[in-house]
Amino acid sequence: MDVLYPKGFNLSSIEKCMIDYDCHFIAYEDDEAINSRLGTDFVILQETCFIAHVSRASTGYANEEEFKCDYDCRNRVMKDLYPNKWERSFQFDLETVDGVIHNTSPPYLLFTNECIRGYSSDHNTIIANYTRVDIPKFAEMIKSKPCNDKFFVVYLGDDQYICCNTRTLETYEYKSVIKYRVIQILCGESDDPFIQLKSEYEQLSSINPLPKFSDFQLKDIEGQPVLENTDYRLEMYDYDEEVLDMHDSKLYATYYRNATGMMVVQCSIIDGIYYLVRKNRYLHSAEDYKYTVSFTDQIPVKHQRLQFQVTEKNTLKIVQWNQLNYLTACSVTSNYTDISLEAGNDDHLELYLKRL
């Protein structure tokens, strides 16, 4: 995404955000730089606010729009704008006051030395880089930042985090598998959310993502190992009247008579990791306002991977990589069943592969 700023604008005057890893910052001198980008999604930085230019493709309306936004919601707004998800941003913790979009809750400060992708709990953040973990120093830094002053988070790498109570400097280390719940507690309305975190921490810290076995084998419904470069029909187990279909690369289910055809996939094993492939496109976790599953031309990167769990019935449960978000089905209409990855221990969707 292009981020324009007037020549001479001090970029260090605004807080850094995770979305900046996906942006091109461009100094401009006249309106031609703006006019030449109309029809696309881009952002213009100003002294007290920024303006989001939103294309018709993103709004779904006949005309392009522009929105004035306070810097307290820059990462959240720009994450919703990139790529093409703007219309959903108004549903999540934003409000408009005197024509300016604001955050209803302050962002929290995340110390990190790399881009973290695929976790919606990181959207409402500002970021800072560090050379070494120095909790007292970080606690001092937060005093001068426009953010939630109750806590900060440090990403240690390899899906490991530390959160810190700025009042006591007490810290809690945790894995990304429980990240959403930890942030949900810390950003809650409690005057001291660490009391709640402390009461749940022992149970939360015992939660681990599913292990990945080097000798894992994907199996079809007959219990036979799934072979590469072989066609299999992918179907839902215990859903007699519904079959899988696709819309805009997204997987969903519909009444069997409305389907465009059977869902035929192949298996591809790359560096010991199993992928389901359809017409040379890989099934992966697509980050949206919730986690959906869709097909992509690129080999999925780590946070987009899916993990398969074979049951005793030779069916498959699908889990988000390093998480405990299971594939689930939710009936929306008689002809449309939404399929997405959600946390929880119940209602896991089971699929199966049948060799053609």
Protein backbone atom coordinates (compact mmCIF):
# COMPACT_ATOMS: atom_id res chain seq x y z
CA MET A 1 0.00 0.00 0.00
CA ASP A 2 1.24 3.51 -0.81
CA VAL A 3 1.49 5.95 2.09
CA LEU A 4 2.00 9.52 0.91
CA TYR A 5 3.35 12.30 3.08
CA PRO A 6 4.15 15.94 2.30
CA LYS A 7 7.79 16.63 1.54
CA GLY A 8 9.39 17.71 4.81
CA PHE A 9 6.91 15.77 6.97
CA ASN A 10 8.65 14.20 9.97
CA LEU A 11 7.80 10.50 9.85
CA SER A 12 9.22 9.98 13.34
CA SER A 13 6.43 12.21 14.67
CA ILE A 14 3.94 9.36 14.25
CA GLU A 15 4.06 5.97 15.94
CA LYS A 16 5.24 2.99 13.92
CA CYS A 17 2.72 0.26 13.15
CA MET A 18 2.87 -3.37 12.06
CA ILE A 19 1.14 -2.49 8.78
CA ASP A 20 4.18 -0.36 7.87
CA TYR A 21 5.98 -3.55 6.85
CA ASP A 22 3.54 -3.77 3.93
CA CYS A 23 3.67 -0.09 2.93
CA HIS A 24 5.65 2.13 0.59
CA PHE A 25 6.25 5.58 2.13
CA ILE A 26 6.46 8.22 -0.59
CA ALA A 27 7.14 11.94 -0.18
CA TYR A 28 5.12 14.14 -2.55
CA GLU A 29 5.18 17.79 -3.58
CA ASP A 30 1.95 18.36 -5.52
CA ASP A 31 -1.51 16.96 -6.13
CA GLU A 32 -0.40 14.94 -9.15
CA ALA A 33 0.93 12.24 -6.81
CA ILE A 34 -2.55 11.98 -5.30
CA ASN A 35 -4.51 12.21 -8.54
CA SER A 36 -2.41 9.52 -10.21
CA ARG A 37 -3.41 7.03 -7.48
CA LEU A 38 -7.14 7.61 -7.56
CA GLY A 39 -8.85 4.31 -8.18
CA THR A 40 -6.58 2.52 -5.71
CA ASP A 41 -6.40 2.29 -1.93
CA PHE A 42 -3.80 4.62 -0.40
CA VAL A 43 -3.21 6.82 2.61
CA ILE A 44 -2.07 10.42 3.04
CA LEU A 45 -0.36 11.44 6.28
CA GLN A 46 -1.10 14.88 7.73
CA GLU A 47 -0.01 16.67 10.88
CA THR A 48 -2.94 15.76 13.16
CA CYS A 49 -4.66 12.97 11.24
CA PHE A 50 -4.39 10.79 8.14
CA ILE A 51 -6.74 10.39 5.19
CA ALA A 52 -7.64 6.96 3.83
CA HIS A 53 -8.53 6.99 0.13
CA VAL A 54 -10.70 3.97 -0.56
CA SER A 55 -11.39 2.67 -4.07
CA ARG A 56 -14.74 1.50 -5.37
CA ALA A 57 -13.43 -2.08 -5.32
CA SER A 58 -12.99 -1.84 -1.55
CA THR A 59 -16.15 0.08 -0.65
CA GLY A 60 -18.46 -1.77 -3.00
CA TYR A 61 -20.12 1.55 -3.84
CA ALA A 62 -20.30 3.48 -7.10
CA ASN A 63 -17.87 6.18 -6.00
CA GLU A 64 -14.52 6.28 -4.28
CA GLU A 65 -14.49 7.60 -0.74
CA GLU A 66 -12.03 9.20 1.61
CA PHE A 67 -12.06 9.09 5.39
CA LYS A 68 -10.29 11.27 7.89
CA CYS A 69 -8.83 9.20 10.73
CA ASP A 70 -7.08 9.90 14.01
CA TYR A 71 -3.64 8.36 14.45
CA ASP A 72 -4.88 6.36 17.44
CA CYS A 73 -6.40 3.85 15.00
CA ARG A 74 -3.86 3.90 12.16
CA ASN A 75 -2.81 0.25 12.31
CA ARG A 76 -6.39 -0.97 12.74
CA VAL A 77 -7.76 1.11 9.84
CA MET A 78 -4.89 0.37 7.47
CA LYS A 79 -5.04 -3.36 8.24
CA ASP A 80 -8.72 -3.29 7.31
CA LEU A 81 -7.94 -1.33 4.18
CA TYR A 82 -5.18 -3.71 3.08
CA PRO A 83 -6.08 -5.66 1.14
CA ASN A 84 -9.63 -4.62 0.16
CA LYS A 85 -11.39 -5.16 3.48
CA TRP A 86 -12.36 -1.60 4.37
CA GLU A 87 -16.12 -2.06 4.67
CA ARG A 88 -15.64 -4.26 7.73
CA SER A 89 -13.55 -1.80 9.70
CA PHE A 90 -16.55 0.11 11.03
CA GLN A 91 -17.79 -2.97 12.84
CA PHE A 92 -14.77 -3.27 15.10
CA ASP A 93 -14.04 -0.73 17.84
CA LEU A 94 -14.09 2.42 15.72
CA GLU A 95 -16.32 5.47 16.01
CA THR A 96 -16.73 8.73 14.10
CA VAL A 97 -16.58 11.98 16.07
CA ASP A 98 -16.92 15.33 14.25
CA GLY A 99 -16.12 13.65 10.95
CA VAL A 100 -12.95 11.91 12.21
CA ILE A 101 -12.70 8.16 12.81
CA HIS A 102 -11.31 7.31 16.25
CA ASN A 103 -10.41 4.21 18.19
CA THR A 104 -12.79 3.31 21.00
CA SER A 105 -9.88 1.76 22.92
CA PRO A 106 -6.23 2.86 22.86
CA PRO A 107 -3.72 0.67 21.02
CA TYR A 108 -1.24 -1.32 23.08
CA LEU A 109 2.54 -1.18 22.63
CA LEU A 110 4.21 -4.19 21.05
CA PHE A 111 8.00 -4.51 21.02
CA THR A 112 9.11 -6.59 18.05
CA ASN A 113 11.96 -6.93 15.60
CA GLU A 114 9.96 -8.63 12.86
CA CYS A 115 6.62 -8.47 11.15
CA ILE A 116 4.01 -10.66 12.84
CA ARG A 117 1.34 -11.84 10.47
CA GLY A 118 -1.94 -13.63 10.82
CA TYR A 119 -3.04 -12.58 14.32
CA SER A 120 -5.99 -10.19 14.54
CA SER A 121 -5.16 -9.50 18.21
CA ASP A 122 -2.12 -7.54 16.96
CA HIS A 123 -4.21 -5.14 14.86
CA ASN A 124 -4.80 -2.57 17.60
CA THR A 125 -1.12 -1.87 18.24
CA ILE A 126 1.74 0.51 17.84
CA ILE A 127 5.20 -1.01 17.68
CA ALA A 128 8.76 -0.32 18.75
CA ASN A 129 11.94 -2.19 17.91
CA TYR A 130 14.50 -3.36 20.45
CA THR A 131 18.04 -4.70 20.57
CA ARG A 132 17.58 -6.66 23.81
CA VAL A 133 14.75 -7.28 26.23
CA ASP A 134 14.96 -4.63 28.97
CA ILE A 135 11.71 -4.62 30.94
CA PRO A 136 12.42 -1.51 33.11
CA LYS A 137 13.46 0.46 30.01
CA PHE A 138 10.35 -0.62 28.14
CA ALA A 139 8.18 0.39 31.09
CA GLU A 140 9.71 3.88 30.97
CA MET A 141 9.18 4.15 27.24
CA ILE A 142 5.48 3.42 27.51
CA LYS A 143 4.96 6.56 29.62
CA SER A 144 5.60 8.76 26.59
CA LYS A 145 3.53 6.70 24.13
CA PRO A 146 -0.15 7.27 23.16
CA CYS A 147 -1.24 3.77 24.12
CA ASN A 148 -2.76 1.56 26.80
CA ASP A 149 -0.56 2.24 29.83
CA LYS A 150 -1.53 -0.86 31.83
CA PHE A 151 0.71 -3.28 29.95
CA PHE A 152 3.00 -3.87 27.00
CA VAL A 153 3.94 -6.95 25.01
CA VAL A 154 7.32 -8.20 23.76
CA TYR A 155 7.53 -10.63 20.87
CA LEU A 156 10.53 -12.88 21.49
CA GLY A 157 10.34 -14.72 18.17
CA ASP A 158 9.37 -18.30 17.38
CA ASP A 159 5.74 -17.69 18.52
CA GLN A 160 6.85 -16.72 22.05
CA TYR A 161 5.65 -13.58 23.87
CA ILE A 162 6.01 -11.78 27.18
CA CYS A 163 3.45 -9.35 28.56
CA CYS A 164 4.33 -6.98 31.39
CA ASN A 165 2.29 -5.21 34.06
CA THR A 166 3.66 -1.65 33.90
CA ARG A 167 2.67 -0.96 37.49
CA THR A 168 4.53 -3.89 39.06
CA LEU A 169 6.86 -5.04 36.22
CA GLU A 170 5.49 -8.54 36.74
CA THR A 171 5.77 -10.54 33.50
CA TYR A 172 4.02 -13.53 31.96
CA GLU A 173 5.51 -15.58 29.13
CA TYR A 174 3.15 -17.33 26.75
CA LYS A 175 2.85 -18.93 23.30
CA SER A 176 0.92 -17.56 20.35
CA VAL A 177 -1.63 -20.35 20.74
CA ILE A 178 -3.18 -18.43 23.68
CA LYS A 179 -2.33 -14.94 22.45
CA TYR A 180 -5.89 -13.96 21.58
CA ARG A 181 -7.18 -14.82 25.06
CA VAL A 182 -4.28 -13.05 26.82
CA ILE A 183 -4.83 -9.84 24.84
CA GLN A 184 -8.58 -10.12 25.35
CA ILE A 185 -8.01 -10.12 29.11
CA LEU A 186 -5.42 -7.34 29.09
CA CYS A 187 -7.52 -5.05 26.90
CA GLY A 188 -10.67 -5.63 28.94
CA GLU A 189 -12.39 -3.04 31.06
CA SER A 190 -10.94 -4.24 34.37
CA ASP A 191 -8.93 -1.72 36.38
CA ASP A 192 -6.38 -4.48 37.01
CA PRO A 193 -6.63 -7.09 34.25
CA PHE A 194 -3.55 -8.86 35.60
CA ILE A 195 -5.63 -10.19 38.49
CA GLN A 196 -7.77 -12.04 35.96
CA LEU A 197 -4.75 -13.10 33.93
CA LYS A 198 -3.09 -14.47 37.07
CA SER A 199 -6.19 -16.52 37.92
CA GLU A 200 -6.32 -18.03 34.42
CA TYR A 201 -2.60 -18.19 33.68
CA GLU A 202 -1.88 -21.69 34.95
CA GLN A 203 -4.69 -23.14 32.83
CA LEU A 204 -3.80 -21.01 29.79
CA SER A 205 -0.09 -21.80 29.92
CA SER A 206 -0.84 -25.52 29.79
CA ILE A 207 -2.46 -25.13 26.37
CA ASN A 208 -0.19 -26.14 23.50
CA PRO A 209 -0.71 -26.30 19.77
CA LEU A 210 -1.09 -29.73 18.25
CA PRO A 211 2.28 -31.46 17.85
CA LYS A 212 3.66 -31.97 14.34
CA PHE A 213 4.98 -35.49 13.82
CA SER A 214 7.76 -36.22 11.35
CA ASP A 215 6.14 -39.56 10.49
CA PHE A 216 2.66 -38.09 9.90
CA GLN A 217 0.65 -39.59 7.02
CA LEU A 218 -2.52 -38.14 5.56
CA LYS A 219 -5.12 -40.86 4.92
CA ASP A 220 -8.19 -41.20 2.74
CA ILE A 221 -11.57 -42.42 3.98
CA GLU A 222 -10.50 -46.03 3.27
CA GLY A 223 -7.52 -45.66 5.60
CA GLN A 224 -4.98 -45.69 2.77
CA PRO A 225 -2.07 -43.20 2.70
CA VAL A 226 -2.87 -40.23 0.45
CA LEU A 227 -0.61 -40.19 -2.60
CA GLU A 228 0.83 -37.14 -4.32
CA ASN A 229 -0.34 -36.18 -7.81
CA THR A 230 -3.50 -38.27 -7.38
CA ASP A 231 -7.06 -36.95 -7.57
CA TYR A 232 -9.26 -37.14 -4.46
CA ARG A 233 -12.76 -35.90 -3.83
CA LEU A 234 -12.87 -33.63 -0.76
CA GLU A 235 -16.19 -33.89 1.07
CA MET A 236 -17.85 -33.06 4.37
CA TYR A 237 -18.49 -35.96 6.73
CA ASP A 238 -22.07 -36.33 8.06
CA TYR A 239 -23.41 -33.60 5.76
CA ASP A 240 -25.52 -35.62 3.33
CA GLU A 241 -27.28 -32.70 1.65
CA GLU A 242 -24.31 -30.31 1.37
CA VAL A 243 -21.08 -30.33 -0.59
CA LEU A 244 -18.03 -28.08 -0.73
CA ASP A 245 -17.84 -25.33 -3.32
CA MET A 246 -15.85 -22.15 -3.95
CA HIS A 247 -16.58 -18.46 -4.42
CA ASP A 248 -13.74 -16.01 -5.07
CA SER A 249 -11.31 -18.79 -4.05
CA LYS A 250 -13.03 -19.09 -0.65
CA LEU A 251 -14.24 -22.48 0.53
CA TYR A 252 -17.86 -22.79 1.61
CA ALA A 253 -20.64 -25.38 1.50
CA THR A 254 -23.93 -25.37 -0.35
CA TYR A 255 -26.92 -27.59 -1.13
CA TYR A 256 -25.58 -30.30 -3.43
CA ARG A 257 -27.83 -29.34 -6.34
CA ASN A 258 -26.42 -25.79 -6.32
CA ALA A 259 -22.77 -26.84 -6.47
CA THR A 260 -20.69 -26.06 -9.54
CA GLY A 261 -19.07 -29.50 -9.40
CA MET A 262 -17.29 -31.86 -7.03
CA MET A 263 -14.33 -30.55 -5.05
CA VAL A 264 -11.32 -32.41 -6.48
CA VAL A 265 -7.92 -31.92 -4.82
CA GLN A 266 -4.48 -33.44 -4.81
CA CYS A 267 -1.89 -33.75 -2.07
CA SER A 268 1.48 -32.01 -2.23
CA ILE A 269 4.24 -32.68 0.32
CA ILE A 270 6.86 -29.93 0.54
CA ASP A 271 9.64 -30.15 3.15
CA GLY A 272 7.58 -32.73 5.03
CA ILE A 273 4.48 -30.49 5.18
CA TYR A 274 1.20 -31.65 3.65
CA TYR A 275 -0.86 -29.30 1.49
CA LEU A 276 -4.16 -29.83 -0.30
CA VAL A 277 -3.97 -28.45 -3.84
CA ARG A 278 -6.69 -27.66 -6.36
CA LYS A 279 -5.71 -26.66 -9.90
CA ASN A 280 -2.19 -25.78 -8.69
CA ARG A 281 -3.55 -23.61 -5.88
CA TYR A 282 -2.93 -24.35 -2.20
CA LEU A 283 -5.54 -24.51 0.54
CA HIS A 284 -4.51 -22.05 3.27
CA SER A 285 -5.71 -19.89 6.13
CA ALA A 286 -6.69 -16.45 4.86
CA GLU A 287 -6.75 -13.68 7.43
CA ASP A 288 -9.95 -11.66 7.34
CA TYR A 289 -12.31 -10.28 9.96
CA LYS A 290 -12.21 -13.97 10.86
CA TYR A 291 -10.03 -16.79 9.57
CA THR A 292 -11.40 -18.32 6.40
CA VAL A 293 -9.88 -21.01 4.21
CA SER A 294 -9.26 -20.41 0.54
CA PHE A 295 -6.95 -21.36 -2.30
CA THR A 296 -3.84 -19.36 -3.19
CA ASP A 297 -1.29 -19.46 -6.03
CA GLN A 298 1.63 -19.26 -3.57
CA ILE A 299 2.95 -21.92 -1.23
CA PRO A 300 1.48 -20.82 2.13
CA VAL A 301 3.91 -19.18 4.54
CA LYS A 302 4.03 -20.35 8.13
CA HIS A 303 1.06 -18.42 9.56
CA GLN A 304 -1.10 -19.46 6.58
CA ARG A 305 -0.45 -23.19 6.86
CA LEU A 306 -3.04 -25.74 7.86
CA GLN A 307 -2.44 -28.80 9.97
CA PHE A 308 -4.37 -32.02 9.48
CA GLN A 309 -5.59 -34.28 12.26
CA VAL A 310 -6.65 -37.77 11.13
CA THR A 311 -9.41 -39.34 13.26
CA GLU A 312 -10.13 -42.98 14.00
CA LYS A 313 -12.82 -42.81 11.29
CA ASN A 314 -10.19 -41.73 8.74
CA THR A 315 -11.80 -38.30 8.53
CA LEU A 316 -9.80 -35.07 8.74
CA LYS A 317 -9.97 -32.21 11.16
CA ILE A 318 -8.18 -29.07 9.97
CA VAL A 319 -6.37 -26.78 12.39
CA GLN A 320 -4.61 -23.47 11.89
CA TRP A 321 -0.83 -23.88 12.11
CA ASN A 322 0.55 -23.45 15.66
CA GLN A 323 -2.95 -22.52 16.85
CA LEU A 324 -6.02 -24.32 18.14
CA ASN A 325 -8.43 -22.77 15.65
CA TYR A 326 -10.39 -25.63 14.11
CA LEU A 327 -12.31 -25.64 10.85
CA THR A 328 -16.00 -25.20 11.67
CA ALA A 329 -19.22 -24.90 9.68
CA CYS A 330 -22.02 -22.42 10.37
CA SER A 331 -25.25 -22.51 8.39
CA VAL A 332 -26.15 -19.03 7.13
CA THR A 333 -28.98 -19.84 4.73
CA SER A 334 -30.46 -23.04 3.32
CA ASN A 335 -28.03 -22.69 0.39
CA TYR A 336 -24.93 -21.33 2.12
CA THR A 337 -22.83 -22.69 4.98
CA ASP A 338 -19.92 -20.57 6.13
CA ILE A 339 -16.64 -22.39 6.76
CA SER A 340 -13.97 -20.76 8.90
CA LEU A 341 -11.31 -21.45 11.52
CA GLU A 342 -12.45 -20.75 15.05
CA ALA A 343 -11.25 -21.48 18.56
CA GLY A 344 -13.17 -24.00 20.62
CA ASN A 345 -13.36 -27.64 21.55
CA ASP A 346 -16.70 -28.49 19.95
CA ASP A 347 -18.36 -28.55 16.52
CA HIS A 348 -15.19 -29.29 14.58
CA LEU A 349 -15.94 -29.87 10.93
CA GLU A 350 -14.78 -33.25 9.69
CA LEU A 351 -13.85 -33.76 6.04
CA TYR A 352 -12.71 -36.82 4.14
CA LEU A 353 -10.74 -37.65 1.02
CA LYS A 354 -11.99 -40.29 -1.39
CA ARG A 355 -9.74 -41.41 -4.20
CA LEU A 356 -11.17 -41.05 -7.69
